[in-house]
Amino acid sequence: MMQLRNLTPDDVAAIGNWPPYPSDFRDLDYALRSGGWLDDYRNRPDTRCFAAEQAGELVAFTLLSKTGEAEAEFRIALRADKTGQGLGGAITAMTLAKGFGEAGLSRIHLIVRKNNPRAVRLYARLGFAERGECYKSVNGKRTHFLIMELPKESYLKGEGE
């Protein structure tokens, strides 16, 4: 059974010891590195960080970082040995429920690598719609991203399907 709870300092220490990603996902570990986006976001007062546990084991973390009065950016990182097992969808759905429920958000958005069609399909299946593209520097490399968003109305409509 999956559980989503607030991220703790002990979780952050455990994340630092996660196994490395396989070579085809190697660039994704910037989230976990010292100075990566976990370090960048976790102490911001406008960010909620969550730990995802399966059978008492930390398997992922997510965050919702406010970007406006009632909107936030979503990010997720799965432990390398837990990718490809279908956990991302369940963990994302649990985080969306917290964002639209407890946090009272009206819109959640994200960026996803354009060359990651599996993730793009997952987000589309959860109701996110493409809203544009952007480039960001990741580990010193120019990286192409899709911008996707999910308004609360679309989320609520999708829950009943």
Protein backbone atom coordinates (compact mmCIF):
# COMPACT_ATOMS: atom_id res chain seq x y z
CA MET A 1 0.00 0.00 0.00
CA MET A 2 1.28 3.44 -0.96
CA GLN A 3 1.41 6.27 1.58
CA LEU A 4 2.21 9.96 1.05
CA ARG A 5 3.44 11.97 4.04
CA ASN A 6 5.50 15.08 4.70
CA LEU A 7 9.19 14.76 3.82
CA THR A 8 11.52 14.72 6.85
CA PRO A 9 15.25 15.46 7.26
CA ASP A 10 15.80 11.70 7.68
CA ASP A 11 14.16 11.16 4.28
CA VAL A 12 16.50 13.71 2.70
CA ALA A 13 19.49 11.85 4.16
CA ALA A 14 18.12 8.55 2.80
CA ILE A 15 17.57 10.08 -0.66
CA GLY A 16 21.26 11.02 -0.72
CA ASN A 17 22.04 7.29 -0.51
CA TRP A 18 19.67 6.15 -3.26
CA PRO A 19 21.22 4.01 -5.99
CA PRO A 20 22.24 5.78 -9.21
CA TYR A 21 19.88 5.92 -12.17
CA PRO A 22 20.56 3.65 -15.16
CA SER A 23 22.44 5.28 -18.04
CA ASP A 24 19.28 6.10 -20.03
CA PHE A 25 18.00 8.13 -17.05
CA ARG A 26 21.37 9.40 -15.83
CA ASP A 27 20.50 13.07 -16.34
CA LEU A 28 17.53 12.76 -13.98
CA ASP A 29 19.69 12.49 -10.88
CA TYR A 30 20.21 16.27 -10.81
CA ALA A 31 17.09 16.36 -8.62
CA LEU A 32 18.94 14.39 -5.94
CA ARG A 33 22.41 15.90 -6.18
CA SER A 34 23.75 18.40 -3.70
CA GLY A 35 22.49 21.73 -4.99
CA GLY A 36 19.85 20.00 -7.14
CA TRP A 37 16.17 20.79 -7.08
CA LEU A 38 15.48 18.89 -3.85
CA ASP A 39 17.99 21.13 -2.07
CA ASP A 40 16.71 24.17 -3.95
CA TYR A 41 13.03 23.68 -3.09
CA ARG A 42 12.74 21.79 0.19
CA ASN A 43 13.32 24.74 2.53
CA ARG A 44 11.19 27.25 0.66
CA PRO A 45 8.25 28.39 2.78
CA ASP A 46 5.91 28.17 -0.24
CA THR A 47 6.79 24.54 -1.02
CA ARG A 48 5.24 21.35 0.32
CA CYS A 49 7.47 18.28 0.06
CA PHE A 50 6.15 14.74 0.35
CA ALA A 51 7.71 11.32 0.85
CA ALA A 52 6.09 8.33 -0.84
CA GLU A 53 6.38 5.03 1.00
CA GLN A 54 5.51 1.55 -0.14
CA ALA A 55 5.52 -1.15 2.55
CA GLY A 56 7.35 1.27 4.87
CA GLU A 57 10.12 1.92 2.31
CA LEU A 58 10.87 5.37 0.84
CA VAL A 59 10.38 4.99 -2.93
CA ALA A 60 9.89 8.56 -4.16
CA PHE A 61 9.40 12.17 -3.21
CA THR A 62 7.26 14.90 -4.70
CA LEU A 63 6.83 18.59 -4.21
CA LEU A 64 4.33 21.32 -4.89
CA SER A 65 5.93 24.76 -5.01
CA LYS A 66 3.61 27.74 -5.19
CA THR A 67 4.03 29.92 -8.27
CA GLY A 68 0.98 32.12 -7.67
CA GLU A 69 -1.87 32.68 -5.24
CA ALA A 70 -3.55 29.31 -5.94
CA GLU A 71 -1.15 27.56 -8.30
CA ALA A 72 1.94 25.41 -7.90
CA GLU A 73 4.60 23.56 -9.86
CA PHE A 74 4.71 19.78 -9.41
CA ARG A 75 7.93 17.74 -9.35
CA ILE A 76 8.55 14.05 -8.68
CA ALA A 77 11.59 11.80 -8.32
CA LEU A 78 11.38 8.03 -8.00
CA ARG A 79 14.17 5.95 -6.53
CA ALA A 80 16.13 4.52 -9.46
CA ASP A 81 15.30 0.89 -8.69
CA LYS A 82 11.57 1.74 -8.56
CA THR A 83 11.21 3.26 -12.04
CA GLY A 84 9.09 1.45 -14.62
CA GLN A 85 6.85 -0.20 -12.02
CA GLY A 86 3.82 2.08 -12.40
CA LEU A 87 4.41 3.90 -9.13
CA GLY A 88 4.71 7.35 -10.69
CA GLY A 89 1.04 7.57 -11.62
CA ALA A 90 -0.21 6.60 -8.16
CA ILE A 91 2.22 8.93 -6.39
CA THR A 92 1.39 11.81 -8.73
CA ALA A 93 -2.35 11.25 -8.20
CA MET A 94 -1.89 11.30 -4.42
CA THR A 95 0.10 14.55 -4.64
CA LEU A 96 -2.55 16.14 -6.90
CA ALA A 97 -5.23 15.21 -4.35
CA LYS A 98 -3.25 16.97 -1.61
CA GLY A 99 -2.68 20.02 -3.81
CA PHE A 100 -6.26 20.46 -4.94
CA GLY A 101 -7.69 19.36 -1.58
CA GLU A 102 -5.60 20.34 1.45
CA ALA A 103 -3.66 23.14 -0.24
CA GLY A 104 -6.69 24.56 -2.08
CA LEU A 105 -4.85 25.01 -5.37
CA SER A 106 -6.76 25.88 -8.53
CA ARG A 107 -3.98 24.93 -11.00
CA ILE A 108 -0.95 22.63 -10.95
CA HIS A 109 1.66 22.74 -13.68
CA LEU A 110 4.90 20.96 -14.49
CA ILE A 111 7.68 20.66 -16.99
CA VAL A 112 8.65 17.31 -18.46
CA ARG A 113 11.50 16.44 -20.79
CA LYS A 114 10.22 16.40 -24.35
CA ASN A 115 12.26 13.25 -25.00
CA ASN A 116 10.46 11.35 -22.20
CA PRO A 117 7.29 10.15 -23.98
CA ARG A 118 6.41 7.71 -21.19
CA ALA A 119 6.17 10.55 -18.66
CA VAL A 120 4.31 12.78 -21.12
CA ARG A 121 1.71 10.02 -21.65
CA LEU A 122 1.38 9.49 -17.90
CA TYR A 123 0.72 13.17 -17.25
CA ALA A 124 -1.75 13.36 -20.14
CA ARG A 125 -3.58 10.31 -18.74
CA LEU A 126 -3.84 12.12 -15.39
CA GLY A 127 -5.43 15.13 -17.13
CA PHE A 128 -2.48 17.44 -17.76
CA ALA A 129 -2.61 19.32 -21.07
CA GLU A 130 0.36 20.64 -23.04
CA ARG A 131 0.64 24.43 -22.85
CA GLY A 132 3.95 25.10 -24.55
CA GLU A 133 7.64 24.32 -24.59
CA CYS A 134 10.74 25.73 -22.96
CA TYR A 135 14.45 25.14 -22.66
CA LYS A 136 16.36 25.02 -19.38
CA SER A 137 19.96 24.30 -18.51
CA VAL A 138 20.30 20.97 -16.67
CA ASN A 139 23.78 19.90 -15.59
CA GLY A 140 25.18 22.44 -18.05
CA LYS A 141 23.21 21.04 -21.00
CA ARG A 142 20.39 22.80 -22.83
CA THR A 143 17.32 20.61 -22.26
CA HIS A 144 13.98 20.75 -24.11
CA PHE A 145 10.84 20.55 -21.95
CA LEU A 146 7.09 20.50 -22.46
CA ILE A 147 5.02 22.70 -20.17
CA MET A 148 1.86 20.95 -18.96
CA GLU A 149 -0.93 22.10 -16.67
CA LEU A 150 -3.96 20.74 -14.88
CA PRO A 151 -6.71 23.14 -13.74
CA LYS A 152 -8.77 22.02 -10.74
CA GLU A 153 -11.94 21.89 -12.87
CA SER A 154 -10.34 19.35 -15.22
CA TYR A 155 -9.01 17.37 -12.26
CA LEU A 156 -12.44 17.22 -10.62
CA LYS A 157 -14.08 16.23 -13.91
CA GLY A 158 -11.54 13.43 -14.38
CA GLU A 159 -12.07 12.01 -10.89
CA GLY A 160 -15.55 10.85 -11.76
CA GLU A 161 -14.51 8.96 -14.90
